[in-house]
Amino acid sequence: MKDLLKALPWIGPAVALIATVVLFPVGLMFYNSTRDISQSGVDKGGVGLDNFATVLGFEAFWPILGRTVVWVVVVVACTLLGSLALAALLNKAFPGRRLVRMAVIVPWASSVVMTTLVVHYGLEPYFGIINSFLVDVGLIDTPEGYGWTRHAGTAFAWAMVVAVFVSLPFTTYTILAGLQTVPGETVEAARIDGANGVRTYFSVVLPQLRGAISVAVLINIINVFNSLPILRVMTGSIPGYDADTVMTMIFKYMQNQRQIDLASALSVIAFLVVVVIVAVYVRMVRPLEEV
């Protein structure tokens, strides 16, 4: 007890910050999810679990949840594969490597909304530079016929492309840091034993990246699941719920429909889903064991 009191001045500010920024909003979210709150913000009293029943009974909820799973799996998987390739390249010595490494950081340093807007306007049928490029290389016939961001499927697919693009820098540098810790003697010994480059990478190098990859994947799962700006910009103008994930649905409940109680109930469901996913992932992969 005495040691705790001595440490309190040092850990007290951090505990207070966590309580203010994390615990209080979570507690308020759980509380609001059990209330009947009018569109003007008036609390009309408790309703128990009725808000959860309304959310789960909404016909578009399960397709939205399934789309969220697709969103997370595709973006995280593509980010991981791209980052493994980029990290392997950046780990090699070549002229201008420092400049290339700095260039990889740009999508991470830039505003996500700005990056998404650039892609969004680049896909415009009449003046979009991306559309014009696709015509020039022969992938599409005429730019006027392709309103990529006006249809749920194509807008959602391009949103995933943007999400992968902005997720690459962090994951690449995390894996690159792991590559720096792989002993050169181990790689050289594998080559002396007759292993080619591919065999050396998959049998010697990749297993030693397990810690870095596990942590990067865990953080990406959380970030991608909770991502709103990319989808809001790319799919926000599409009517209905055919391009929504859980996060964009929460936004619609709050911003468009002014239903704070339902938004809170869906937020609680999303929070619990993330907690379960992280718990299962940590239990199975144990990402912190080898970091």
Protein backbone atom coordinates (compact mmCIF):
# COMPACT_ATOMS: atom_id res chain seq x y z
CA MET A 1 0.00 0.00 0.00
CA LYS A 2 2.85 2.34 0.87
CA ASP A 3 4.52 1.64 -2.49
CA LEU A 4 1.26 2.40 -4.25
CA LEU A 5 0.98 5.77 -2.49
CA LYS A 6 4.56 6.58 -3.47
CA ALA A 7 3.86 5.74 -7.11
CA LEU A 8 0.53 7.59 -7.20
CA PRO A 9 2.00 11.02 -8.08
CA TRP A 10 3.66 9.41 -11.12
CA ILE A 11 0.83 7.23 -12.37
CA GLY A 12 -1.99 9.48 -11.18
CA PRO A 13 -2.07 11.78 -14.24
CA ALA A 14 -2.08 8.79 -16.61
CA VAL A 15 -4.88 7.10 -14.65
CA ALA A 16 -6.90 10.33 -14.61
CA LEU A 17 -6.40 10.76 -18.36
CA ILE A 18 -7.53 7.19 -19.06
CA ALA A 19 -10.55 7.61 -16.81
CA THR A 20 -11.52 10.90 -18.51
CA VAL A 21 -10.81 10.01 -22.14
CA VAL A 22 -11.65 6.28 -22.18
CA LEU A 23 -13.67 5.04 -19.21
CA PHE A 24 -16.13 7.94 -18.91
CA PRO A 25 -17.16 7.92 -22.61
CA VAL A 26 -17.53 4.12 -22.53
CA GLY A 27 -19.67 4.32 -19.41
CA LEU A 28 -21.81 7.08 -20.94
CA MET A 29 -22.21 5.03 -24.12
CA PHE A 30 -23.48 2.02 -22.16
CA TYR A 31 -25.83 4.27 -20.16
CA ASN A 32 -27.28 5.99 -23.22
CA SER A 33 -27.85 2.64 -24.91
CA THR A 34 -30.48 1.84 -22.26
CA ARG A 35 -32.28 5.19 -22.45
CA ASP A 36 -35.03 6.67 -24.60
CA ILE A 37 -33.45 9.87 -25.92
CA SER A 38 -35.43 12.17 -28.19
CA GLN A 39 -34.01 13.76 -31.33
CA SER A 40 -33.61 16.99 -29.38
CA GLY A 41 -31.52 15.19 -26.74
CA VAL A 42 -34.14 14.89 -23.99
CA ASP A 43 -33.80 11.77 -21.85
CA LYS A 44 -37.29 10.27 -21.49
CA GLY A 45 -36.24 7.45 -19.18
CA GLY A 46 -34.90 3.93 -19.27
CA VAL A 47 -36.00 1.35 -21.82
CA GLY A 48 -33.84 -1.59 -20.80
CA LEU A 49 -32.60 -3.53 -23.83
CA ASP A 50 -35.22 -2.23 -26.26
CA ASN A 51 -32.65 -0.21 -28.22
CA PHE A 52 -30.58 -3.33 -28.77
CA ALA A 53 -33.66 -5.21 -29.94
CA THR A 54 -34.42 -2.40 -32.41
CA VAL A 55 -30.87 -2.41 -33.78
CA LEU A 56 -30.66 -6.20 -34.07
CA GLY A 57 -34.12 -6.31 -35.62
CA PHE A 58 -33.24 -3.78 -38.29
CA GLU A 59 -33.32 -5.63 -41.62
CA ALA A 60 -30.05 -4.12 -42.85
CA PHE A 61 -28.08 -4.84 -39.65
CA TRP A 62 -26.79 -8.31 -40.52
CA PRO A 63 -25.75 -7.38 -44.09
CA ILE A 64 -23.97 -4.36 -42.60
CA LEU A 65 -22.20 -6.56 -40.05
CA GLY A 66 -21.18 -9.01 -42.79
CA ARG A 67 -19.91 -6.12 -44.93
CA THR A 68 -17.90 -4.89 -41.96
CA VAL A 69 -16.23 -8.30 -41.69
CA VAL A 70 -15.40 -8.23 -45.41
CA TRP A 71 -14.08 -4.68 -45.05
CA VAL A 72 -11.74 -5.62 -42.20
CA VAL A 73 -10.52 -8.94 -43.63
CA VAL A 74 -9.82 -7.65 -47.15
CA VAL A 75 -8.13 -4.42 -46.06
CA VAL A 76 -5.98 -6.03 -43.37
CA ALA A 77 -4.99 -8.99 -45.59
CA CYS A 78 -4.07 -6.80 -48.58
CA THR A 79 -2.21 -4.38 -46.32
CA LEU A 80 -0.20 -7.22 -44.80
CA LEU A 81 0.75 -8.74 -48.16
CA GLY A 82 1.68 -5.36 -49.64
CA SER A 83 3.67 -4.40 -46.55
CA LEU A 84 5.63 -7.65 -46.56
CA ALA A 85 6.69 -6.97 -50.15
CA LEU A 86 7.47 -3.30 -49.50
CA ALA A 87 9.43 -4.06 -46.32
CA ALA A 88 11.50 -6.70 -48.12
CA LEU A 89 12.28 -4.16 -50.85
CA LEU A 90 13.16 -1.37 -48.44
CA ASN A 91 15.42 -3.72 -46.50
CA LYS A 92 17.64 -4.12 -49.56
CA ALA A 93 20.48 -1.70 -50.35
CA PHE A 94 19.86 0.33 -53.52
CA PRO A 95 20.48 3.91 -54.68
CA GLY A 96 17.89 6.32 -53.31
CA ARG A 97 16.64 3.94 -50.63
CA ARG A 98 16.39 6.73 -48.07
CA LEU A 99 14.18 8.79 -50.37
CA VAL A 100 11.95 5.80 -51.07
CA ARG A 101 11.62 5.10 -47.35
CA MET A 102 10.61 8.72 -46.78
CA ALA A 103 8.11 8.57 -49.65
CA VAL A 104 6.40 5.54 -48.10
CA ILE A 105 5.55 7.66 -45.05
CA VAL A 106 3.61 10.25 -47.11
CA PRO A 107 0.20 8.46 -47.04
CA TRP A 108 0.59 8.07 -43.28
CA ALA A 109 1.55 11.71 -42.73
CA SER A 110 -1.19 13.05 -44.98
CA SER A 111 -4.77 13.62 -43.87
CA VAL A 112 -6.93 10.56 -44.48
CA VAL A 113 -9.82 12.77 -45.59
CA MET A 114 -7.56 14.66 -48.01
CA THR A 115 -6.20 11.45 -49.50
CA THR A 116 -9.69 10.03 -49.89
CA LEU A 117 -10.99 13.21 -51.49
CA VAL A 118 -8.16 13.14 -54.04
CA VAL A 119 -9.15 9.59 -55.03
CA HIS A 120 -12.86 10.45 -54.95
CA TYR A 121 -12.49 13.37 -57.36
CA GLY A 122 -10.01 11.37 -59.43
CA LEU A 123 -12.80 8.88 -60.09
CA GLU A 124 -15.25 11.48 -61.38
CA PRO A 125 -16.58 10.43 -64.82
CA TYR A 126 -15.88 13.66 -66.72
CA PHE A 127 -12.78 15.23 -65.17
CA GLY A 128 -11.28 12.53 -62.93
CA ILE A 129 -7.60 11.84 -63.61
CA ILE A 130 -7.88 8.22 -62.46
CA ASN A 131 -10.79 7.64 -64.82
CA SER A 132 -8.82 9.19 -67.68
CA PHE A 133 -5.84 6.97 -66.88
CA LEU A 134 -8.02 3.86 -66.93
CA VAL A 135 -9.26 4.88 -70.38
CA ASP A 136 -5.70 5.51 -71.62
CA VAL A 137 -4.50 2.05 -70.58
CA GLY A 138 -7.59 0.42 -72.08
CA LEU A 139 -9.22 -0.89 -68.91
CA ILE A 140 -12.43 1.01 -69.61
CA ASP A 141 -13.88 2.36 -72.87
CA THR A 142 -15.17 5.81 -71.96
CA PRO A 143 -14.84 7.72 -68.67
CA GLU A 144 -18.43 9.01 -68.86
CA GLY A 145 -19.90 5.56 -68.36
CA TYR A 146 -18.19 4.79 -65.08
CA GLY A 147 -19.53 6.55 -62.00
CA TRP A 148 -17.38 4.57 -59.59
CA THR A 149 -18.50 6.45 -56.48
CA ARG A 150 -22.18 6.47 -57.44
CA HIS A 151 -22.73 2.75 -57.04
CA ALA A 152 -22.46 0.91 -53.74
CA GLY A 153 -20.28 -1.99 -54.93
CA THR A 154 -17.66 0.02 -56.80
CA ALA A 155 -17.55 2.82 -54.22
CA PHE A 156 -17.01 0.27 -51.44
CA ALA A 157 -14.26 -1.45 -53.45
CA TRP A 158 -12.44 1.83 -54.06
CA ALA A 159 -12.80 2.67 -50.36
CA MET A 160 -10.95 -0.56 -49.60
CA VAL A 161 -8.20 0.46 -52.04
CA VAL A 162 -7.78 3.79 -50.22
CA ALA A 163 -7.83 2.04 -46.82
CA VAL A 164 -5.03 -0.29 -47.92
CA PHE A 165 -3.05 2.65 -49.31
CA VAL A 166 -3.16 4.64 -46.05
CA SER A 167 -2.51 1.54 -43.92
CA LEU A 168 0.64 0.47 -45.78
CA PRO A 169 3.16 2.88 -44.18
CA PHE A 170 2.61 1.85 -40.56
CA THR A 171 2.53 -1.87 -41.34
CA THR A 172 5.52 -1.63 -43.67
CA TYR A 173 7.66 0.13 -41.10
CA THR A 174 6.61 -2.26 -38.35
CA ILE A 175 7.68 -5.23 -40.48
CA LEU A 176 10.81 -3.39 -41.63
CA ALA A 177 11.76 -2.89 -37.99
CA GLY A 178 11.33 -6.62 -37.51
CA LEU A 179 13.54 -7.34 -40.51
CA GLN A 180 16.31 -5.24 -38.95
CA THR A 181 16.39 -7.66 -36.00
CA VAL A 182 16.85 -10.80 -38.12
CA PRO A 183 20.51 -11.88 -37.63
CA GLY A 184 22.49 -11.80 -40.85
CA GLU A 185 24.39 -14.88 -39.71
CA THR A 186 21.17 -16.91 -39.70
CA VAL A 187 20.32 -15.90 -43.25
CA GLU A 188 23.87 -16.57 -44.41
CA ALA A 189 23.86 -20.01 -42.76
CA ALA A 190 20.64 -20.91 -44.63
CA ARG A 191 22.22 -19.93 -47.92
CA ILE A 192 25.34 -21.95 -47.18
CA ASP A 193 23.08 -24.93 -46.51
CA GLY A 194 21.75 -24.57 -50.05
CA ALA A 195 18.45 -22.74 -49.45
CA ASN A 196 17.47 -20.36 -52.25
CA GLY A 197 16.08 -16.87 -51.66
CA VAL A 198 12.43 -17.94 -51.47
CA ARG A 199 13.15 -20.86 -49.14
CA THR A 200 15.32 -18.65 -46.92
CA TYR A 201 12.61 -16.02 -46.66
CA PHE A 202 9.74 -18.37 -45.80
CA SER A 203 11.71 -20.78 -43.59
CA VAL A 204 14.12 -18.44 -41.81
CA VAL A 205 13.12 -14.79 -42.12
CA LEU A 206 9.31 -14.92 -41.99
CA PRO A 207 9.07 -16.96 -38.76
CA GLN A 208 11.22 -14.36 -37.02
CA LEU A 209 8.79 -11.64 -38.09
CA ARG A 210 5.91 -13.27 -36.21
CA GLY A 211 5.95 -10.73 -33.39
CA ALA A 212 6.05 -7.69 -35.65
CA ILE A 213 3.38 -9.07 -37.98
CA SER A 214 1.10 -10.06 -35.09
CA VAL A 215 1.20 -6.60 -33.51
CA ALA A 216 0.73 -4.86 -36.87
CA VAL A 217 -2.27 -7.04 -37.74
CA LEU A 218 -3.86 -6.48 -34.32
CA ILE A 219 -3.56 -2.69 -34.57
CA ASN A 220 -4.81 -2.74 -38.16
CA ILE A 221 -7.86 -4.81 -37.21
CA ILE A 222 -8.84 -2.23 -34.58
CA ASN A 223 -8.12 0.77 -36.82
CA VAL A 224 -9.87 -0.60 -39.91
CA PHE A 225 -12.92 -1.77 -37.96
CA ASN A 226 -13.31 1.71 -36.45
CA SER A 227 -12.55 3.55 -39.69
CA LEU A 228 -15.13 6.17 -40.68
CA PRO A 229 -13.59 9.00 -42.80
CA ILE A 230 -12.71 6.89 -45.85
CA LEU A 231 -16.13 5.29 -46.12
CA ARG A 232 -17.88 8.54 -45.29
CA VAL A 233 -16.19 10.32 -48.20
CA MET A 234 -16.35 7.47 -50.73
CA THR A 235 -19.83 6.11 -49.99
CA GLY A 236 -21.55 8.89 -48.04
CA SER A 237 -23.61 10.11 -50.99
CA ILE A 238 -25.04 6.67 -51.79
CA PRO A 239 -28.64 6.27 -50.57
CA GLY A 240 -29.69 3.28 -48.50
CA TYR A 241 -27.42 0.95 -46.59
CA ASP A 242 -25.77 -1.12 -49.34
CA ALA A 243 -22.32 0.39 -48.75
CA ASP A 244 -22.45 0.79 -44.97
CA THR A 245 -20.34 -0.75 -42.24
CA VAL A 246 -21.10 -0.64 -38.53
CA MET A 247 -19.22 2.66 -38.13
CA THR A 248 -21.03 4.46 -40.95
CA MET A 249 -24.34 3.16 -39.62
CA ILE A 250 -23.54 4.62 -36.21
CA PHE A 251 -22.79 7.92 -37.93
CA LYS A 252 -26.12 7.83 -39.78
CA TYR A 253 -28.01 7.13 -36.57
CA MET A 254 -26.34 10.14 -34.94
CA GLN A 255 -25.98 12.65 -37.76
CA ASN A 256 -28.90 11.93 -40.08
CA GLN A 257 -31.56 10.43 -37.83
CA ARG A 258 -30.56 12.07 -34.51
CA GLN A 259 -31.17 8.81 -32.68
CA ILE A 260 -28.51 8.96 -29.99
CA ASP A 261 -29.98 6.00 -28.10
CA LEU A 262 -29.83 3.65 -31.11
CA ALA A 263 -26.37 4.95 -32.03
CA SER A 264 -25.21 4.18 -28.50
CA ALA A 265 -26.70 0.68 -28.64
CA LEU A 266 -24.96 -0.04 -31.95
CA SER A 267 -21.74 1.43 -30.52
CA VAL A 268 -21.95 -0.97 -27.59
CA ILE A 269 -22.40 -3.88 -30.00
CA ALA A 270 -19.41 -2.69 -32.05
CA PHE A 271 -17.34 -2.25 -28.89
CA LEU A 272 -18.14 -5.77 -27.71
CA VAL A 273 -17.39 -7.23 -31.16
CA VAL A 274 -13.97 -5.56 -31.18
CA VAL A 275 -13.24 -6.73 -27.63
CA VAL A 276 -14.14 -10.33 -28.53
CA ILE A 277 -12.08 -10.22 -31.75
CA VAL A 278 -9.05 -8.79 -29.95
CA ALA A 279 -9.39 -11.26 -27.06
CA VAL A 280 -9.61 -14.25 -29.41
CA TYR A 281 -6.74 -12.95 -31.54
CA VAL A 282 -4.48 -12.32 -28.53
CA ARG A 283 -5.39 -15.72 -27.10
CA MET A 284 -4.60 -17.57 -30.33
CA VAL A 285 -1.68 -15.59 -31.73
CA ARG A 286 -0.13 -14.16 -28.54
CA PRO A 287 1.34 -11.16 -30.37
CA LEU A 288 3.32 -9.78 -27.44
CA GLU A 289 5.27 -12.93 -26.66
CA GLU A 290 8.07 -12.36 -29.13
CA VAL A 291 8.13 -8.58 -29.34
